[in-house]
């Protein structure tokens, strides 16, 4: 029983979500199709990777269901800058960037600007750190 609870806790930590859901209730697909953050609707929700994801349309929901890894933010939606510095931080939906067809979120717009100054190196470092941090709260 304890082992199962610990496994669920560890899995939950892989995706940043709050009471509003993953990406604070924003549509992951819309970043790619509309080039902006769009609030999802409760009518179009999907459980994936121990989080609830919301979408602005049935079309976006179906795209995500078909290939969630294509649309879900990198590092489970945790701050890309924070991970490059060795820690997990929450993110804001308006602090986003797409690099090489991958969505990256940051703590806020100011942090995103700092991250963007050297994003290639920061992505590399965040990828290295994610291996150790993804299962930690």
N, C-alpha and C. Protein backbone atom coordinates (compact mmCIF):
# COMPACT_ATOMS: atom_id res chain seq x y z
N UNK A 1 0.83 -1.19 0.00
CA UNK A 1 0.00 0.00 0.00
C UNK A 1 0.87 1.26 0.00
N UNK A 2 1.87 1.29 0.85
CA UNK A 2 2.76 2.45 0.89
C UNK A 2 3.53 2.58 -0.40
N UNK A 3 3.99 1.47 -0.94
CA UNK A 3 4.73 1.48 -2.20
C UNK A 3 3.90 2.09 -3.32
N UNK A 4 2.64 1.71 -3.41
CA UNK A 4 1.76 2.26 -4.45
C UNK A 4 1.60 3.76 -4.26
N UNK A 5 1.39 4.22 -3.04
CA UNK A 5 1.25 5.65 -2.77
C UNK A 5 2.50 6.42 -3.15
N UNK A 6 3.65 5.86 -2.84
CA UNK A 6 4.90 6.52 -3.19
C UNK A 6 5.09 6.57 -4.70
N UNK A 7 4.70 5.51 -5.40
CA UNK A 7 4.81 5.51 -6.86
C UNK A 7 3.91 6.57 -7.46
N UNK A 8 2.69 6.69 -6.97
CA UNK A 8 1.78 7.71 -7.49
C UNK A 8 2.32 9.10 -7.22
N UNK A 9 2.88 9.30 -6.03
CA UNK A 9 3.45 10.60 -5.69
C UNK A 9 4.60 10.94 -6.64
N UNK A 10 5.46 9.98 -6.90
CA UNK A 10 6.60 10.21 -7.79
C UNK A 10 6.13 10.50 -9.20
N UNK A 11 5.14 9.78 -9.68
CA UNK A 11 4.64 10.01 -11.03
C UNK A 11 4.00 11.38 -11.13
N UNK A 12 3.26 11.79 -10.13
CA UNK A 12 2.57 13.08 -10.14
C UNK A 12 3.57 14.22 -10.31
N UNK A 13 4.73 14.09 -9.72
CA UNK A 13 5.72 15.16 -9.75
C UNK A 13 6.27 15.41 -11.15
N UNK A 14 6.07 14.48 -12.07
CA UNK A 14 6.61 14.67 -13.42
C UNK A 14 5.91 15.76 -14.21
N UNK A 15 4.69 16.13 -13.84
CA UNK A 15 3.95 17.16 -14.55
C UNK A 15 3.56 18.26 -13.58
N UNK A 16 3.89 19.50 -13.93
CA UNK A 16 3.44 20.63 -13.11
C UNK A 16 1.97 20.86 -13.39
N UNK A 17 1.16 20.70 -12.36
CA UNK A 17 -0.26 21.02 -12.50
C UNK A 17 -0.75 21.54 -11.16
N UNK A 18 -1.81 22.32 -11.23
CA UNK A 18 -2.42 22.84 -10.02
C UNK A 18 -3.92 22.57 -10.09
N UNK A 19 -4.72 23.26 -9.29
CA UNK A 19 -6.17 23.03 -9.29
C UNK A 19 -6.79 23.29 -10.66
N UNK A 20 -6.14 24.11 -11.48
CA UNK A 20 -6.64 24.40 -12.82
C UNK A 20 -6.23 23.34 -13.85
N UNK A 21 -5.35 22.44 -13.47
CA UNK A 21 -4.89 21.40 -14.37
C UNK A 21 -3.47 21.66 -14.85
N UNK A 22 -3.03 20.84 -15.80
CA UNK A 22 -1.71 21.04 -16.42
C UNK A 22 -1.70 22.37 -17.16
N UNK A 23 -0.57 23.03 -17.18
CA UNK A 23 -0.39 24.35 -17.80
C UNK A 23 -1.47 25.33 -17.31
N UNK A 24 -1.86 25.18 -16.06
CA UNK A 24 -2.86 26.06 -15.43
C UNK A 24 -4.16 26.13 -16.24
N UNK A 25 -4.46 25.02 -16.92
CA UNK A 25 -5.71 24.94 -17.68
C UNK A 25 -5.63 25.44 -19.10
N UNK A 26 -4.42 25.73 -19.58
CA UNK A 26 -4.27 26.22 -20.95
C UNK A 26 -4.09 25.05 -21.92
N UNK A 27 -4.42 25.31 -23.17
CA UNK A 27 -4.43 24.32 -24.25
C UNK A 27 -3.01 24.15 -24.80
N UNK A 28 -2.40 22.99 -24.57
CA UNK A 28 -1.03 22.74 -25.04
C UNK A 28 -0.93 22.78 -26.56
N UNK A 29 -1.94 22.33 -27.26
CA UNK A 29 -1.91 22.28 -28.72
C UNK A 29 -1.97 23.68 -29.32
N UNK A 30 -2.71 24.58 -28.68
CA UNK A 30 -2.87 25.94 -29.21
C UNK A 30 -1.55 26.70 -29.34
N UNK A 31 -0.59 26.40 -28.49
CA UNK A 31 0.73 27.05 -28.63
C UNK A 31 1.30 26.79 -30.02
N UNK A 32 1.05 25.62 -30.55
CA UNK A 32 1.57 25.24 -31.87
C UNK A 32 0.66 25.69 -33.01
N UNK A 33 -0.64 25.63 -32.81
CA UNK A 33 -1.58 25.92 -33.90
C UNK A 33 -1.98 27.39 -33.98
N UNK A 34 -1.99 28.08 -32.84
CA UNK A 34 -2.40 29.49 -32.81
C UNK A 34 -1.27 30.43 -32.41
N UNK A 35 -0.14 29.87 -32.06
CA UNK A 35 1.04 30.65 -31.64
C UNK A 35 0.74 31.59 -30.48
N UNK A 36 -0.09 31.12 -29.55
CA UNK A 36 -0.38 31.90 -28.35
C UNK A 36 -1.03 31.00 -27.31
N UNK A 37 -0.98 31.41 -26.04
CA UNK A 37 -1.67 30.64 -25.02
C UNK A 37 -3.18 30.86 -25.13
N UNK A 38 -3.93 29.77 -25.07
CA UNK A 38 -5.39 29.82 -25.14
C UNK A 38 -5.94 28.98 -23.99
N UNK A 39 -6.83 29.56 -23.22
CA UNK A 39 -7.42 28.85 -22.08
C UNK A 39 -8.26 27.67 -22.58
N UNK A 40 -8.09 26.52 -21.95
CA UNK A 40 -8.88 25.35 -22.30
C UNK A 40 -10.26 25.42 -21.68
N UNK A 41 -11.12 24.51 -22.10
CA UNK A 41 -12.50 24.44 -21.61
C UNK A 41 -12.73 23.09 -20.93
N UNK A 42 -13.56 23.10 -19.91
CA UNK A 42 -13.82 21.86 -19.18
C UNK A 42 -14.49 20.81 -20.06
N UNK A 43 -15.16 21.23 -21.12
CA UNK A 43 -15.80 20.28 -22.04
C UNK A 43 -14.78 19.42 -22.78
N UNK A 44 -13.55 19.91 -22.88
CA UNK A 44 -12.51 19.22 -23.65
C UNK A 44 -11.32 18.92 -22.73
N UNK A 45 -11.45 17.88 -21.94
CA UNK A 45 -10.39 17.53 -20.99
C UNK A 45 -9.92 16.11 -21.24
N UNK A 46 -8.70 15.83 -20.75
CA UNK A 46 -8.09 14.52 -20.97
C UNK A 46 -7.12 14.25 -19.83
N UNK A 47 -7.16 13.05 -19.28
CA UNK A 47 -6.22 12.63 -18.25
C UNK A 47 -5.01 12.01 -18.93
N UNK A 48 -3.84 12.58 -18.68
CA UNK A 48 -2.61 12.02 -19.24
C UNK A 48 -1.46 12.32 -18.29
N UNK A 49 -0.65 11.35 -18.04
CA UNK A 49 0.54 11.49 -17.20
C UNK A 49 0.18 12.04 -15.82
N UNK A 50 -0.91 11.51 -15.26
CA UNK A 50 -1.37 11.88 -13.92
C UNK A 50 -1.74 13.35 -13.78
N UNK A 51 -2.20 13.97 -14.84
CA UNK A 51 -2.66 15.36 -14.79
C UNK A 51 -3.87 15.51 -15.71
N UNK A 52 -4.68 16.51 -15.43
CA UNK A 52 -5.81 16.83 -16.30
C UNK A 52 -5.38 17.95 -17.24
N UNK A 53 -5.56 17.71 -18.53
CA UNK A 53 -5.20 18.66 -19.57
C UNK A 53 -6.49 19.18 -20.19
N UNK A 54 -6.55 20.50 -20.42
CA UNK A 54 -7.74 21.12 -21.01
C UNK A 54 -7.40 21.68 -22.38
N UNK A 55 -8.42 21.68 -23.24
CA UNK A 55 -8.23 22.12 -24.63
C UNK A 55 -9.35 23.06 -25.02
N UNK A 56 -9.08 23.91 -25.99
CA UNK A 56 -10.06 24.91 -26.43
C UNK A 56 -11.03 24.36 -27.46
N UNK A 57 -10.75 23.18 -28.00
CA UNK A 57 -11.62 22.59 -29.02
C UNK A 57 -11.47 21.07 -29.02
N UNK A 58 -12.46 20.41 -29.60
CA UNK A 58 -12.39 18.95 -29.76
C UNK A 58 -11.24 18.57 -30.68
N UNK A 59 -10.99 19.40 -31.68
CA UNK A 59 -9.89 19.13 -32.62
C UNK A 59 -8.55 19.10 -31.88
N UNK A 60 -8.32 20.10 -31.01
CA UNK A 60 -7.06 20.13 -30.26
C UNK A 60 -6.97 18.96 -29.28
N UNK A 61 -8.08 18.62 -28.65
CA UNK A 61 -8.10 17.47 -27.75
C UNK A 61 -7.70 16.20 -28.51
N UNK A 62 -8.26 16.00 -29.67
CA UNK A 62 -7.95 14.81 -30.46
C UNK A 62 -6.50 14.79 -30.93
N UNK A 63 -5.95 15.94 -31.27
CA UNK A 63 -4.53 16.01 -31.66
C UNK A 63 -3.65 15.59 -30.49
N UNK A 64 -3.98 16.09 -29.31
CA UNK A 64 -3.19 15.75 -28.12
C UNK A 64 -3.32 14.26 -27.80
N UNK A 65 -4.53 13.73 -27.85
CA UNK A 65 -4.73 12.31 -27.57
C UNK A 65 -3.91 11.43 -28.50
N UNK A 66 -3.80 11.83 -29.76
CA UNK A 66 -3.07 11.04 -30.75
C UNK A 66 -1.56 11.03 -30.47
N UNK A 67 -1.01 12.17 -30.08
CA UNK A 67 0.44 12.27 -29.84
C UNK A 67 0.73 13.28 -28.72
N UNK A 68 0.44 12.91 -27.47
CA UNK A 68 0.64 13.87 -26.38
C UNK A 68 2.08 14.34 -26.23
N UNK A 69 3.05 13.49 -26.50
CA UNK A 69 4.45 13.88 -26.36
C UNK A 69 4.82 15.00 -27.34
N UNK A 70 4.13 15.10 -28.44
CA UNK A 70 4.40 16.15 -29.43
C UNK A 70 4.00 17.52 -28.90
N UNK A 71 2.94 17.57 -28.09
CA UNK A 71 2.38 18.85 -27.66
C UNK A 71 2.66 19.22 -26.21
N UNK A 72 2.84 18.24 -25.36
CA UNK A 72 3.06 18.52 -23.94
C UNK A 72 4.36 19.31 -23.77
N UNK A 73 4.38 20.25 -22.83
CA UNK A 73 5.61 21.01 -22.62
C UNK A 73 6.75 20.13 -22.13
N UNK A 74 7.94 20.53 -22.45
CA UNK A 74 9.13 19.83 -21.98
C UNK A 74 9.21 19.93 -20.46
N UNK A 75 9.87 18.98 -19.87
CA UNK A 75 10.10 18.95 -18.42
C UNK A 75 8.78 18.96 -17.64
N UNK A 76 7.74 18.36 -18.22
CA UNK A 76 6.46 18.27 -17.53
C UNK A 76 5.81 19.61 -17.28
N UNK A 77 6.26 20.63 -17.97
CA UNK A 77 5.69 21.96 -17.78
C UNK A 77 6.34 22.76 -16.66
N UNK A 78 7.38 22.20 -16.05
CA UNK A 78 8.13 22.97 -15.05
C UNK A 78 9.01 23.99 -15.76
N UNK A 79 9.46 24.98 -15.02
CA UNK A 79 10.26 26.08 -15.57
C UNK A 79 11.58 25.58 -16.17
N UNK A 80 11.76 25.87 -17.45
CA UNK A 80 12.98 25.45 -18.16
C UNK A 80 14.22 26.13 -17.58
N UNK A 81 14.09 27.40 -17.21
CA UNK A 81 15.22 28.11 -16.60
C UNK A 81 15.57 27.49 -15.24
N UNK A 82 14.56 27.28 -14.42
CA UNK A 82 14.79 26.69 -13.10
C UNK A 82 15.48 25.35 -13.19
N UNK A 83 15.04 24.52 -14.13
CA UNK A 83 15.68 23.21 -14.30
C UNK A 83 17.11 23.34 -14.76
N UNK A 84 17.40 24.35 -15.57
CA UNK A 84 18.80 24.56 -15.99
C UNK A 84 19.67 24.98 -14.81
N UNK A 85 19.03 25.51 -13.77
CA UNK A 85 19.73 25.92 -12.55
C UNK A 85 19.69 24.82 -11.48
N UNK A 86 19.01 23.72 -11.78
CA UNK A 86 19.02 22.58 -10.86
C UNK A 86 17.84 22.47 -9.92
N UNK A 87 16.72 23.14 -10.21
CA UNK A 87 15.54 23.02 -9.34
C UNK A 87 14.26 23.14 -10.15
N UNK A 88 13.18 22.63 -9.58
CA UNK A 88 11.86 22.72 -10.20
C UNK A 88 11.15 23.98 -9.73
N UNK A 89 10.52 24.67 -10.67
CA UNK A 89 9.72 25.85 -10.35
C UNK A 89 8.44 25.81 -11.15
N UNK A 90 7.36 26.40 -10.63
CA UNK A 90 6.12 26.47 -11.39
C UNK A 90 6.27 27.41 -12.59
N UNK A 91 5.28 27.43 -13.44
CA UNK A 91 5.34 28.24 -14.66
C UNK A 91 4.05 29.02 -14.87
N UNK A 92 4.15 30.00 -15.76
CA UNK A 92 2.99 30.78 -16.20
C UNK A 92 2.76 30.51 -17.68
N UNK A 93 1.51 30.37 -18.10
CA UNK A 93 1.21 30.04 -19.50
C UNK A 93 1.70 31.08 -20.51
N UNK A 94 1.85 32.33 -20.09
CA UNK A 94 2.28 33.37 -21.04
C UNK A 94 3.81 33.46 -21.17
N UNK A 95 4.55 32.68 -20.42
CA UNK A 95 6.02 32.68 -20.48
C UNK A 95 6.47 31.44 -21.25
N UNK A 96 6.25 31.44 -22.54
CA UNK A 96 6.45 30.24 -23.36
C UNK A 96 7.34 30.52 -24.56
N UNK A 97 7.93 29.45 -25.08
CA UNK A 97 8.75 29.49 -26.29
C UNK A 97 8.68 28.12 -26.95
N UNK A 98 8.67 28.10 -28.27
CA UNK A 98 8.80 26.84 -28.99
C UNK A 98 10.17 26.82 -29.65
N UNK A 99 10.95 25.80 -29.34
CA UNK A 99 12.29 25.62 -29.91
C UNK A 99 12.34 24.21 -30.50
N UNK A 100 12.69 24.12 -31.77
CA UNK A 100 12.77 22.82 -32.44
C UNK A 100 11.49 21.99 -32.25
N UNK A 101 10.35 22.67 -32.42
CA UNK A 101 9.03 22.03 -32.29
C UNK A 101 8.75 21.44 -30.91
N UNK A 102 9.36 22.03 -29.89
CA UNK A 102 9.11 21.62 -28.51
C UNK A 102 8.72 22.85 -27.70
N UNK A 103 7.71 22.68 -26.85
CA UNK A 103 7.20 23.76 -26.03
C UNK A 103 7.96 23.83 -24.71
N UNK A 104 8.45 25.02 -24.39
CA UNK A 104 9.14 25.27 -23.12
C UNK A 104 8.39 26.37 -22.39
N UNK A 105 8.18 26.17 -21.09
CA UNK A 105 7.54 27.16 -20.24
C UNK A 105 8.53 27.65 -19.21
N UNK A 106 8.30 28.88 -18.74
CA UNK A 106 9.15 29.45 -17.71
C UNK A 106 8.31 30.08 -16.61
N UNK A 107 8.98 30.43 -15.53
CA UNK A 107 8.35 30.95 -14.32
C UNK A 107 7.51 32.19 -14.60
N UNK A 108 8.06 33.11 -15.36
CA UNK A 108 7.34 34.31 -15.79
C UNK A 108 8.05 34.88 -17.02
N UNK A 109 7.53 35.96 -17.55
CA UNK A 109 8.08 36.52 -18.79
C UNK A 109 9.51 37.03 -18.58
N UNK A 110 9.79 37.62 -17.42
CA UNK A 110 11.14 38.11 -17.14
C UNK A 110 12.15 36.96 -17.13
N UNK A 111 11.80 35.86 -16.49
CA UNK A 111 12.68 34.69 -16.45
C UNK A 111 12.82 34.10 -17.85
N UNK A 112 11.73 34.08 -18.61
CA UNK A 112 11.79 33.59 -19.99
C UNK A 112 12.79 34.39 -20.81
N UNK A 113 12.81 35.70 -20.65
CA UNK A 113 13.77 36.55 -21.37
C UNK A 113 15.20 36.19 -20.99
N UNK A 114 15.44 35.98 -19.71
CA UNK A 114 16.79 35.59 -19.27
C UNK A 114 17.15 34.22 -19.85
N UNK A 115 16.22 33.27 -19.82
CA UNK A 115 16.43 31.93 -20.38
C UNK A 115 16.73 32.03 -21.87
N UNK A 116 16.04 32.90 -22.57
CA UNK A 116 16.19 33.04 -24.03
C UNK A 116 17.57 33.55 -24.45
N UNK A 117 18.27 34.22 -23.55
CA UNK A 117 19.60 34.75 -23.88
C UNK A 117 20.57 33.63 -24.24
N UNK A 118 20.37 32.45 -23.68
CA UNK A 118 21.27 31.32 -23.94
C UNK A 118 20.47 30.02 -23.89
N UNK A 119 19.37 30.00 -24.64
CA UNK A 119 18.42 28.88 -24.51
C UNK A 119 19.00 27.53 -24.90
N UNK A 120 19.87 27.48 -25.90
CA UNK A 120 20.42 26.18 -26.30
C UNK A 120 21.21 25.54 -25.16
N UNK A 121 22.06 26.32 -24.53
CA UNK A 121 22.85 25.80 -23.40
C UNK A 121 21.95 25.48 -22.21
N UNK A 122 20.95 26.32 -21.98
CA UNK A 122 20.03 26.09 -20.86
C UNK A 122 19.19 24.83 -21.08
N UNK A 123 18.77 24.59 -22.32
CA UNK A 123 18.02 23.38 -22.64
C UNK A 123 18.88 22.15 -22.37
N UNK A 124 20.13 22.22 -22.80
CA UNK A 124 21.06 21.10 -22.58
C UNK A 124 21.21 20.82 -21.08
N UNK A 125 21.43 21.87 -20.30
CA UNK A 125 21.62 21.71 -18.86
C UNK A 125 20.33 21.22 -18.19
N UNK A 126 19.18 21.75 -18.62
CA UNK A 126 17.90 21.32 -18.05
C UNK A 126 17.63 19.85 -18.35
N UNK A 127 17.96 19.42 -19.56
CA UNK A 127 17.80 18.01 -19.91
C UNK A 127 18.64 17.11 -19.00
N UNK A 128 19.86 17.54 -18.72
CA UNK A 128 20.73 16.77 -17.82
C UNK A 128 20.13 16.72 -16.41
N UNK A 129 19.65 17.86 -15.92
CA UNK A 129 19.10 17.93 -14.56
C UNK A 129 17.76 17.20 -14.44
N UNK A 130 16.98 17.19 -15.52
CA UNK A 130 15.66 16.58 -15.50
C UNK A 130 15.73 15.09 -15.12
N UNK A 131 16.78 14.42 -15.52
CA UNK A 131 16.94 13.00 -15.20
C UNK A 131 16.84 12.78 -13.68
N UNK A 132 17.48 13.64 -12.90
CA UNK A 132 17.47 13.50 -11.45
C UNK A 132 16.27 14.17 -10.78
N UNK A 133 15.71 15.19 -11.41
CA UNK A 133 14.67 15.99 -10.76
C UNK A 133 13.24 15.60 -11.11
N UNK A 134 13.04 14.88 -12.21
CA UNK A 134 11.67 14.66 -12.69
C UNK A 134 10.77 13.96 -11.69
N UNK A 135 11.30 13.06 -10.88
CA UNK A 135 10.47 12.32 -9.92
C UNK A 135 10.42 12.98 -8.55
N UNK A 136 11.06 14.12 -8.39
CA UNK A 136 11.07 14.80 -7.09
C UNK A 136 10.04 15.92 -7.09
N UNK A 137 9.47 16.13 -5.91
CA UNK A 137 8.46 17.17 -5.76
C UNK A 137 9.11 18.53 -5.75
